[in-house]
Amino acid sequence: MLTLNIGPFALALPHVLILGCLLLATLSGWWIGRRNGHNPERWLFRLLLVALLVARLAFVIAYFEHFRDEPWRVIDIRDGGFIAWPGVLAALLLGGWLLWRMSALRKPLGIAMAVGVLSWGLGTLTWHALDRGTRLPELALLDIEGRSVTLQSLAGKPLVINLWATWCPPCRREMPVLAAAQASHPDTLFLFVNQGEAAEAVSRFLDSEGLALDNVLLDSGNGLGQRVGSTALPTTLFYDARGRQIGSHLGELSRASLARALESLDEDKQK
């Protein structure tokens, strides 16, 4: 399961996890500090903002080469480009300084921070364990020529599956990034699985955009999205050569965020 649906909205599980942990931390801090009137809520929000800022900065520094030509993408956080541990460390250091400086908030803020960090850590580990335990679905799709292709038959090399549609703006924006990666990573198989559209519409889009993509498949019933637990587009899935899922990305990929995901595939291949 990659998304949580609330009415017409689909939220990525990592985002839901962060919001849930912030809520737990806020309630814990309020409960502990209610008798003395010391609510650490505003400090918790500030610590979260510091964590996110540092995590983004760490990602930009690590993948700076991909931001050189488009520096404005540094502030475009829609690509999900964050490196968590520097952000958590920065928030803990700032939180420790606050605990030292403000004795009145020491207990409620300290307990709230502990609840937030521990719940986030356990939740993240659990989600990654479940995410990485998913196998390549047994599903047959059609290629652009109408021939049947089974996903299981494609196992044997690292696999990137992109779920997309021509009417989806972030799908359209990320397609050149994926096309370039397909050309530069011949040892990785890229599948472009269109969700719910006819072959004519897909062919018209590819021709109009000048995209030369291999392995374009049609999923007329959105079966793959349902199997992997994602109702949002674009969704990109990463599998090792044995058909075991090692990662996923909900939303638009940038060159930097795709590079990081492909590094994970390469590292897994070397194990």
C-alpha atoms as a PDB file:
ATOM      1  CA  MET A   1       0.000   0.000   0.000  1.00  0.00           C
ATOM      2  CA  LEU A   2       1.501   3.295  -1.139  1.00  0.00           C
ATOM      3  CA  THR A   3      -1.323   5.770  -0.652  1.00  0.00           C
ATOM      4  CA  LEU A   4      -4.097   6.537   1.813  1.00  0.00           C
ATOM      5  CA  ASN A   5      -7.300   7.754   0.182  1.00  0.00           C
ATOM      6  CA  ILE A   6      -9.372  10.426   1.917  1.00  0.00           C
ATOM      7  CA  GLY A   7     -12.300  11.227  -0.326  1.00  0.00           C
ATOM      8  CA  PRO A   8     -10.898  12.412  -3.677  1.00  0.00           C
ATOM      9  CA  PHE A   9      -7.408  12.915  -2.209  1.00  0.00           C
ATOM     10  CA  ALA A  10      -4.599  10.356  -2.231  1.00  0.00           C
ATOM     11  CA  LEU A  11      -1.864  10.921   0.352  1.00  0.00           C
ATOM     12  CA  ALA A  12       1.506   9.203   0.224  1.00  0.00           C
ATOM     13  CA  LEU A  13       2.069   6.988   3.253  1.00  0.00           C
ATOM     14  CA  PRO A  14       5.374   8.675   4.242  1.00  0.00           C
ATOM     15  CA  HIS A  15       3.519  12.006   4.420  1.00  0.00           C
ATOM     16  CA  VAL A  16       0.742  10.442   6.461  1.00  0.00           C
ATOM     17  CA  LEU A  17       3.375   8.987   8.780  1.00  0.00           C
ATOM     18  CA  ILE A  18       5.015  12.390   9.362  1.00  0.00           C
ATOM     19  CA  LEU A  19       1.673  14.050  10.068  1.00  0.00           C
ATOM     20  CA  GLY A  20       0.631  11.236  12.402  1.00  0.00           C
ATOM     21  CA  CYS A  21       3.901  11.402  14.349  1.00  0.00           C
ATOM     22  CA  LEU A  22       3.624  15.189  14.640  1.00  0.00           C
ATOM     23  CA  LEU A  23       0.103  14.779  15.998  1.00  0.00           C
ATOM     24  CA  LEU A  24       1.264  12.183  18.551  1.00  0.00           C
ATOM     25  CA  ALA A  25       4.155  14.398  19.627  1.00  0.00           C
ATOM     26  CA  THR A  26       1.908  17.452  19.928  1.00  0.00           C
ATOM     27  CA  LEU A  27      -0.698  15.605  21.998  1.00  0.00           C
ATOM     28  CA  SER A  28       2.001  14.111  24.239  1.00  0.00           C
ATOM     29  CA  GLY A  29       3.605  17.503  24.859  1.00  0.00           C
ATOM     30  CA  TRP A  30       0.243  19.142  25.540  1.00  0.00           C
ATOM     31  CA  TRP A  31      -0.762  16.355  27.963  1.00  0.00           C
ATOM     32  CA  ILE A  32       2.478  16.543  29.950  1.00  0.00           C
ATOM     33  CA  GLY A  33       2.600  20.343  30.046  1.00  0.00           C
ATOM     34  CA  ARG A  34      -1.101  21.088  30.550  1.00  0.00           C
ATOM     35  CA  ARG A  35      -0.915  21.491  34.339  1.00  0.00           C
ATOM     36  CA  ASN A  36       1.788  24.128  34.182  1.00  0.00           C
ATOM     37  CA  GLY A  37       0.471  25.807  31.043  1.00  0.00           C
ATOM     38  CA  HIS A  38       3.586  24.975  29.008  1.00  0.00           C
ATOM     39  CA  ASN A  39       2.577  23.700  25.590  1.00  0.00           C
ATOM     40  CA  PRO A  40       5.556  22.890  23.296  1.00  0.00           C
ATOM     41  CA  GLU A  41       3.426  22.833  20.143  1.00  0.00           C
ATOM     42  CA  ARG A  42       5.008  25.813  18.382  1.00  0.00           C
ATOM     43  CA  TRP A  43       8.512  24.523  19.103  1.00  0.00           C
ATOM     44  CA  LEU A  44       7.625  21.127  17.666  1.00  0.00           C
ATOM     45  CA  PHE A  45       6.487  22.753  14.430  1.00  0.00           C
ATOM     46  CA  ARG A  46       9.725  24.742  14.279  1.00  0.00           C
ATOM     47  CA  LEU A  47      11.799  21.629  14.844  1.00  0.00           C
ATOM     48  CA  LEU A  48       9.910  19.859  12.049  1.00  0.00           C
ATOM     49  CA  LEU A  49      10.565  22.763   9.683  1.00  0.00           C
ATOM     50  CA  VAL A  50      14.275  22.704  10.571  1.00  0.00           C
ATOM     51  CA  ALA A  51      14.390  18.943   9.954  1.00  0.00           C
ATOM     52  CA  LEU A  52      12.743  19.310   6.539  1.00  0.00           C
ATOM     53  CA  LEU A  53      14.963  22.221   5.530  1.00  0.00           C
ATOM     54  CA  VAL A  54      18.190  20.445   6.475  1.00  0.00           C
ATOM     55  CA  ALA A  55      17.033  17.178   4.875  1.00  0.00           C
ATOM     56  CA  ARG A  56      16.330  19.039   1.623  1.00  0.00           C
ATOM     57  CA  LEU A  57      19.631  20.894   1.786  1.00  0.00           C
ATOM     58  CA  ALA A  58      21.496  17.613   2.298  1.00  0.00           C
ATOM     59  CA  PHE A  59      19.773  16.137  -0.755  1.00  0.00           C
ATOM     60  CA  VAL A  60      20.594  19.162  -2.916  1.00  0.00           C
ATOM     61  CA  ILE A  61      24.265  19.053  -1.865  1.00  0.00           C
ATOM     62  CA  ALA A  62      24.513  15.308  -2.506  1.00  0.00           C
ATOM     63  CA  TYR A  63      22.965  15.595  -5.986  1.00  0.00           C
ATOM     64  CA  PHE A  64      24.033  19.116  -6.857  1.00  0.00           C
ATOM     65  CA  GLU A  65      25.113  18.163 -10.389  1.00  0.00           C
ATOM     66  CA  HIS A  66      21.473  17.537 -11.272  1.00  0.00           C
ATOM     67  CA  PHE A  67      20.447  21.027 -10.146  1.00  0.00           C
ATOM     68  CA  ARG A  68      23.127  22.986 -12.036  1.00  0.00           C
ATOM     69  CA  ASP A  69      21.124  23.493 -15.224  1.00  0.00           C
ATOM     70  CA  GLU A  70      17.822  24.099 -13.400  1.00  0.00           C
ATOM     71  CA  PRO A  71      18.680  25.780 -10.073  1.00  0.00           C
ATOM     72  CA  TRP A  72      15.056  26.725  -9.451  1.00  0.00           C
ATOM     73  CA  ARG A  73      14.340  23.032  -8.835  1.00  0.00           C
ATOM     74  CA  VAL A  74      16.126  23.356  -5.490  1.00  0.00           C
ATOM     75  CA  ILE A  75      12.884  24.728  -4.015  1.00  0.00           C
ATOM     76  CA  ASP A  76      10.627  22.357  -5.956  1.00  0.00           C
ATOM     77  CA  ILE A  77      10.114  19.778  -3.239  1.00  0.00           C
ATOM     78  CA  ARG A  78       7.469  17.921  -5.223  1.00  0.00           C
ATOM     79  CA  ASP A  79      10.211  15.487  -6.288  1.00  0.00           C
ATOM     80  CA  GLY A  80      10.404  14.170  -2.712  1.00  0.00           C
ATOM     81  CA  GLY A  81      14.141  14.829  -2.555  1.00  0.00           C
ATOM     82  CA  PHE A  82      15.087  14.618   1.130  1.00  0.00           C
ATOM     83  CA  ILE A  83      17.818  12.783   3.032  1.00  0.00           C
ATOM     84  CA  ALA A  84      16.239  12.102   6.380  1.00  0.00           C
ATOM     85  CA  TRP A  85      19.090  11.481   8.811  1.00  0.00           C
ATOM     86  CA  PRO A  86      20.782  14.941   8.582  1.00  0.00           C
ATOM     87  CA  GLY A  87      17.384  16.565   9.158  1.00  0.00           C
ATOM     88  CA  VAL A  88      16.622  14.393  12.185  1.00  0.00           C
ATOM     89  CA  LEU A  89      20.076  15.039  13.615  1.00  0.00           C
ATOM     90  CA  ALA A  90      19.713  18.817  13.159  1.00  0.00           C
ATOM     91  CA  ALA A  91      16.284  18.792  14.836  1.00  0.00           C
ATOM     92  CA  LEU A  92      17.619  16.755  17.764  1.00  0.00           C
ATOM     93  CA  LEU A  93      20.576  19.104  18.251  1.00  0.00           C
ATOM     94  CA  LEU A  94      18.334  22.161  18.171  1.00  0.00           C
ATOM     95  CA  GLY A  95      15.855  20.427  20.450  1.00  0.00           C
ATOM     96  CA  GLY A  96      18.630  19.603  22.923  1.00  0.00           C
ATOM     97  CA  TRP A  97      19.686  23.251  22.960  1.00  0.00           C
ATOM     98  CA  LEU A  98      16.077  24.320  23.624  1.00  0.00           C
ATOM     99  CA  LEU A  99      15.799  21.831  26.481  1.00  0.00           C
ATOM    100  CA  TRP A 100      18.957  23.238  28.007  1.00  0.00           C
ATOM    101  CA  ARG A 101      17.834  26.853  27.644  1.00  0.00           C
ATOM    102  CA  MET A 102      14.149  26.552  28.658  1.00  0.00           C
ATOM    103  CA  SER A 103      13.774  24.576  31.854  1.00  0.00           C
ATOM    104  CA  ALA A 104       9.999  25.110  32.004  1.00  0.00           C
ATOM    105  CA  LEU A 105       9.554  23.284  28.696  1.00  0.00           C
ATOM    106  CA  ARG A 106      12.137  20.627  29.432  1.00  0.00           C
ATOM    107  CA  LYS A 107       9.766  17.820  30.350  1.00  0.00           C
ATOM    108  CA  PRO A 108       6.874  18.367  27.886  1.00  0.00           C
ATOM    109  CA  LEU A 109       9.153  19.183  24.953  1.00  0.00           C
ATOM    110  CA  GLY A 110      11.575  16.368  25.734  1.00  0.00           C
ATOM    111  CA  ILE A 111       8.809  13.771  25.959  1.00  0.00           C
ATOM    112  CA  ALA A 112       7.116  15.138  22.842  1.00  0.00           C
ATOM    113  CA  MET A 113      10.379  14.944  20.883  1.00  0.00           C
ATOM    114  CA  ALA A 114      10.990  11.386  22.075  1.00  0.00           C
ATOM    115  CA  VAL A 115       7.470  10.302  21.082  1.00  0.00           C
ATOM    116  CA  GLY A 116       7.733  11.964  17.684  1.00  0.00           C
ATOM    117  CA  VAL A 117      11.174  10.621  16.752  1.00  0.00           C
ATOM    118  CA  LEU A 118      10.558   7.088  18.041  1.00  0.00           C
ATOM    119  CA  SER A 119       7.146   6.759  16.388  1.00  0.00           C
ATOM    120  CA  TRP A 120       8.538   8.110  13.114  1.00  0.00           C
ATOM    121  CA  GLY A 121      11.533   5.769  13.254  1.00  0.00           C
ATOM    122  CA  LEU A 122       9.461   2.669  14.010  1.00  0.00           C
ATOM    123  CA  GLY A 123       6.841   3.610  11.446  1.00  0.00           C
ATOM    124  CA  THR A 124       9.457   4.209   8.756  1.00  0.00           C
ATOM    125  CA  LEU A 125      11.217   0.915   9.451  1.00  0.00           C
ATOM    126  CA  THR A 126       7.908  -0.962   9.342  1.00  0.00           C
ATOM    127  CA  TRP A 127       6.823   0.702   6.104  1.00  0.00           C
ATOM    128  CA  HIS A 128      10.172   0.024   4.425  1.00  0.00           C
ATOM    129  CA  ALA A 129      10.043  -3.619   5.536  1.00  0.00           C
ATOM    130  CA  LEU A 130       6.575  -4.036   4.050  1.00  0.00           C
ATOM    131  CA  ASP A 131       7.481  -2.048   0.921  1.00  0.00           C
ATOM    132  CA  ARG A 132      10.594  -4.118   0.278  1.00  0.00           C
ATOM    133  CA  GLY A 133       8.734  -7.374   0.880  1.00  0.00           C
ATOM    134  CA  THR A 134       6.405  -6.795  -2.079  1.00  0.00           C
ATOM    135  CA  ARG A 135       6.907  -8.974  -5.139  1.00  0.00           C
ATOM    136  CA  LEU A 136       6.392  -8.105  -8.792  1.00  0.00           C
ATOM    137  CA  PRO A 137       2.647  -8.653  -9.407  1.00  0.00           C
ATOM    138  CA  GLU A 138       1.543 -11.533 -11.609  1.00  0.00           C
ATOM    139  CA  LEU A 139      -0.292  -9.513 -14.207  1.00  0.00           C
ATOM    140  CA  ALA A 140      -0.639  -9.555 -17.992  1.00  0.00           C
ATOM    141  CA  LEU A 141      -0.767  -6.250 -19.869  1.00  0.00           C
ATOM    142  CA  LEU A 142      -0.857  -5.262 -23.540  1.00  0.00           C
ATOM    143  CA  ASP A 143       1.909  -3.489 -25.389  1.00  0.00           C
ATOM    144  CA  ILE A 144       1.244  -0.645 -27.809  1.00  0.00           C
ATOM    145  CA  GLU A 145       0.743  -3.194 -30.628  1.00  0.00           C
ATOM    146  CA  GLY A 146      -1.841  -5.171 -28.670  1.00  0.00           C
ATOM    147  CA  ARG A 147       0.401  -8.106 -27.722  1.00  0.00           C
ATOM    148  CA  SER A 148       0.151  -9.619 -24.255  1.00  0.00           C
ATOM    149  CA  VAL A 149       3.102  -9.147 -21.907  1.00  0.00           C
ATOM    150  CA  THR A 150       3.316 -10.728 -18.441  1.00  0.00           C
ATOM    151  CA  LEU A 151       5.258  -8.769 -15.847  1.00  0.00           C
ATOM    152  CA  GLN A 152       6.765 -11.924 -14.372  1.00  0.00           C
ATOM    153  CA  SER A 153       8.394 -12.721 -17.723  1.00  0.00           C
ATOM    154  CA  LEU A 154      10.402  -9.480 -17.452  1.00  0.00           C
ATOM    155  CA  ALA A 155      12.197 -10.417 -14.244  1.00  0.00           C
ATOM    156  CA  GLY A 156      15.939 -11.061 -14.550  1.00  0.00           C
ATOM    157  CA  LYS A 157      17.297  -7.512 -14.499  1.00  0.00           C
ATOM    158  CA  PRO A 158      16.577  -4.406 -12.388  1.00  0.00           C
ATOM    159  CA  LEU A 159      13.174  -3.026 -13.276  1.00  0.00           C
ATOM    160  CA  VAL A 160      11.634   0.458 -13.107  1.00  0.00           C
ATOM    161  CA  ILE A 161       7.858   0.625 -13.608  1.00  0.00           C
ATOM    162  CA  ASN A 162       6.275   4.019 -14.164  1.00  0.00           C
ATOM    163  CA  LEU A 163       2.483   4.338 -13.858  1.00  0.00           C
ATOM    164  CA  TRP A 164       1.306   7.338 -15.851  1.00  0.00           C
ATOM    165  CA  ALA A 165      -1.390   8.891 -18.040  1.00  0.00           C
ATOM    166  CA  THR A 166      -1.349  11.509 -20.792  1.00  0.00           C
ATOM    167  CA  TRP A 167      -3.811  13.748 -18.890  1.00  0.00           C
ATOM    168  CA  CYS A 168      -1.547  13.884 -15.806  1.00  0.00           C
ATOM    169  CA  PRO A 169       0.656  17.069 -15.783  1.00  0.00           C
ATOM    170  CA  PRO A 170       3.405  15.724 -13.470  1.00  0.00           C
ATOM    171  CA  CYS A 171       3.518  12.533 -15.566  1.00  0.00           C
ATOM    172  CA  ARG A 172       4.116  14.615 -18.672  1.00  0.00           C
ATOM    173  CA  ARG A 173       6.795  16.716 -16.949  1.00  0.00           C
ATOM    174  CA  GLU A 174       8.778  13.722 -15.704  1.00  0.00           C
ATOM    175  CA  MET A 175       8.600  11.718 -18.945  1.00  0.00           C
ATOM    176  CA  PRO A 176      11.735  13.297 -20.546  1.00  0.00           C
ATOM    177  CA  VAL A 177      13.650  12.550 -17.331  1.00  0.00           C
ATOM    178  CA  LEU A 178      12.638   8.897 -17.495  1.00  0.00           C
ATOM    179  CA  ALA A 179      13.337   8.728 -21.237  1.00  0.00           C
ATOM    180  CA  ALA A 180      16.875  10.025 -20.675  1.00  0.00           C
ATOM    181  CA  ALA A 181      17.422   7.527 -17.855  1.00  0.00           C
ATOM    182  CA  GLN A 182      16.206   4.687 -20.061  1.00  0.00           C
ATOM    183  CA  ALA A 183      18.761   5.628 -22.705  1.00  0.00           C
ATOM    184  CA  SER A 184      21.644   5.941 -20.227  1.00  0.00           C
ATOM    185  CA  HIS A 185      20.913   2.800 -18.159  1.00  0.00           C
ATOM    186  CA  PRO A 186      20.775  -0.115 -20.630  1.00  0.00           C
ATOM    187  CA  ASP A 187      21.183  -2.665 -17.811  1.00  0.00           C
ATOM    188  CA  THR A 188      17.917  -1.527 -16.217  1.00  0.00           C
ATOM    189  CA  LEU A 189      14.553  -2.269 -17.801  1.00  0.00           C
ATOM    190  CA  PHE A 190      12.095   0.636 -17.831  1.00  0.00           C
ATOM    191  CA  LEU A 191       8.370  -0.023 -18.260  1.00  0.00           C
ATOM    192  CA  PHE A 192       5.920   2.796 -18.954  1.00  0.00           C
ATOM    193  CA  VAL A 193       2.530   1.459 -17.915  1.00  0.00           C
ATOM    194  CA  ASN A 194      -0.265   3.756 -19.053  1.00  0.00           C
ATOM    195  CA  GLN A 195      -3.298   3.742 -16.804  1.00  0.00           C
ATOM    196  CA  GLY A 196      -6.715   3.484 -18.432  1.00  0.00           C
ATOM    197  CA  GLU A 197      -6.122   4.992 -21.882  1.00  0.00           C
ATOM    198  CA  ALA A 198      -6.397   3.637 -25.409  1.00  0.00           C
ATOM    199  CA  ALA A 199      -3.375   2.876 -27.573  1.00  0.00           C
ATOM    200  CA  GLU A 200      -4.284   5.668 -30.006  1.00  0.00           C
ATOM    201  CA  ALA A 201      -4.218   8.333 -27.291  1.00  0.00           C
ATOM    202  CA  VAL A 202      -0.886   7.081 -25.978  1.00  0.00           C
ATOM    203  CA  SER A 203       0.683   6.974 -29.454  1.00  0.00           C
ATOM    204  CA  ARG A 204      -0.531  10.497 -30.254  1.00  0.00           C
ATOM    205  CA  PHE A 205       0.998  11.822 -27.049  1.00  0.00           C
ATOM    206  CA  LEU A 206       4.362  10.139 -27.608  1.00  0.00           C
ATOM    207  CA  ASP A 207       4.512  11.371 -31.200  1.00  0.00           C
ATOM    208  CA  SER A 208       3.541  14.937 -30.298  1.00  0.00           C
ATOM    209  CA  GLU A 209       6.195  15.088 -27.561  1.00  0.00           C
ATOM    210  CA  GLY A 210       8.871  13.401 -29.658  1.00  0.00           C
ATOM    211  CA  LEU A 211       9.433  10.730 -27.019  1.00  0.00           C
ATOM    212  CA  ALA A 212      11.122   7.526 -28.157  1.00  0.00           C
ATOM    213  CA  LEU A 213      10.179   5.157 -25.342  1.00  0.00           C
ATOM    214  CA  ASP A 214      10.663   1.410 -25.260  1.00  0.00           C
ATOM    215  CA  ASN A 215       8.353  -0.931 -23.362  1.00  0.00           C
ATOM    216  CA  VAL A 216       5.152   1.121 -23.327  1.00  0.00           C
ATOM    217  CA  LEU A 217       2.349  -1.016 -21.888  1.00  0.00           C
ATOM    218  CA  LEU A 218      -1.390  -0.442 -21.547  1.00  0.00           C
ATOM    219  CA  ASP A 219      -3.278  -1.132 -18.336  1.00  0.00           C
ATOM    220  CA  SER A 220      -6.862  -0.376 -19.376  1.00  0.00           C
ATOM    221  CA  GLY A 221      -8.385  -1.433 -16.054  1.00  0.00           C
ATOM    222  CA  ASN A 222      -5.777   0.243 -13.784  1.00  0.00           C
ATOM    223  CA  GLY A 223      -5.054  -3.215 -12.416  1.00  0.00           C
ATOM    224  CA  LEU A 224      -1.396  -2.610 -11.614  1.00  0.00           C
ATOM    225  CA  GLY A 225      -2.127   0.499  -9.556  1.00  0.00           C
ATOM    226  CA  GLN A 226      -4.679  -1.463  -7.560  1.00  0.00           C
ATOM    227  CA  ARG A 227      -2.263  -4.352  -7.031  1.00  0.00           C
ATOM    228  CA  VAL A 228       0.498  -2.132  -5.649  1.00  0.00           C
ATOM    229  CA  GLY A 229      -1.882   0.002  -3.579  1.00  0.00           C
ATOM    230  CA  SER A 230      -1.520   3.328  -5.363  1.00  0.00           C
ATOM    231  CA  THR A 231      -4.372   5.402  -6.774  1.00  0.00           C
ATOM    232  CA  ALA A 232      -2.232   8.476  -7.524  1.00  0.00           C
ATOM    233  CA  LEU A 233      -0.251   9.318 -10.631  1.00  0.00           C
ATOM    234  CA  PRO A 234       2.565   9.274 -11.343  1.00  0.00           C
ATOM    235  CA  THR A 235       3.791   6.323  -9.299  1.00  0.00           C
ATOM    236  CA  THR A 236       7.173   4.731  -9.946  1.00  0.00           C
ATOM    237  CA  LEU A 237       8.182   1.314  -8.617  1.00  0.00           C
ATOM    238  CA  PHE A 238      11.696  -0.134  -8.393  1.00  0.00           C
ATOM    239  CA  TYR A 239      12.352  -3.888  -8.449  1.00  0.00           C
ATOM    240  CA  ASP A 240      15.540  -5.900  -8.258  1.00  0.00           C
ATOM    241  CA  ALA A 241      16.427  -8.650 -10.721  1.00  0.00           C
ATOM    242  CA  ARG A 242      14.576 -11.218  -8.601  1.00  0.00           C
ATOM    243  CA  GLY A 243      11.303  -9.272  -8.848  1.00  0.00           C
ATOM    244  CA  ARG A 244      11.473  -7.965  -5.276  1.00  0.00           C
ATOM    245  CA  GLN A 245      10.367  -4.385  -4.750  1.00  0.00           C
ATOM    246  CA  ILE A 246      13.124  -2.292  -3.183  1.00  0.00           C
ATOM    247  CA  GLY A 247      11.546   1.155  -3.425  1.00  0.00           C
ATOM    248  CA  SER A 248       8.737   3.330  -4.687  1.00  0.00           C
ATOM    249  CA  HIS A 249       8.128   6.984  -5.462  1.00  0.00           C
ATOM    250  CA  LEU A 250       4.779   8.736  -5.461  1.00  0.00           C
ATOM    251  CA  GLY A 251       4.679  11.941  -7.475  1.00  0.00           C
ATOM    252  CA  GLU A 252       6.914  13.638 -10.015  1.00  0.00           C
ATOM    253  CA  LEU A 253      10.502  12.482 -10.373  1.00  0.00           C
ATOM    254  CA  SER A 254      13.287  14.973 -10.978  1.00  0.00           C
ATOM    255  CA  ARG A 255      16.662  14.013 -12.399  1.00  0.00           C
ATOM    256  CA  ALA A 256      18.068  14.130  -8.866  1.00  0.00           C
ATOM    257  CA  SER A 257      15.387  11.993  -7.202  1.00  0.00           C
ATOM    258  CA  LEU A 258      15.515   9.436 -10.030  1.00  0.00           C
ATOM    259  CA  ALA A 259      19.314   9.314  -9.768  1.00  0.00           C
ATOM    260  CA  ARG A 260      19.029   8.516  -6.078  1.00  0.00           C
ATOM    261  CA  ALA A 261      16.515   5.729  -6.730  1.00  0.00           C
ATOM    262  CA  LEU A 262      18.696   4.216  -9.464  1.00  0.00           C
ATOM    263  CA  GLU A 263      21.671   4.293  -7.093  1.00  0.00           C
ATOM    264  CA  SER A 264      19.647   2.133  -4.708  1.00  0.00           C
ATOM    265  CA  LEU A 265      19.013  -0.321  -7.551  1.00  0.00           C
ATOM    266  CA  ASP A 266      22.731  -0.444  -8.350  1.00  0.00           C
ATOM    267  CA  GLU A 267      23.677  -0.942  -4.692  1.00  0.00           C
ATOM    268  CA  ASP A 268      21.171  -3.789  -4.385  1.00  0.00           C
ATOM    269  CA  LYS A 269      22.549  -5.390  -7.567  1.00  0.00           C
ATOM    270  CA  GLN A 270      26.039  -5.492  -6.024  1.00  0.00           C
ATOM    271  CA  LYS A 271      24.915  -7.349  -2.891  1.00  0.00           C
END
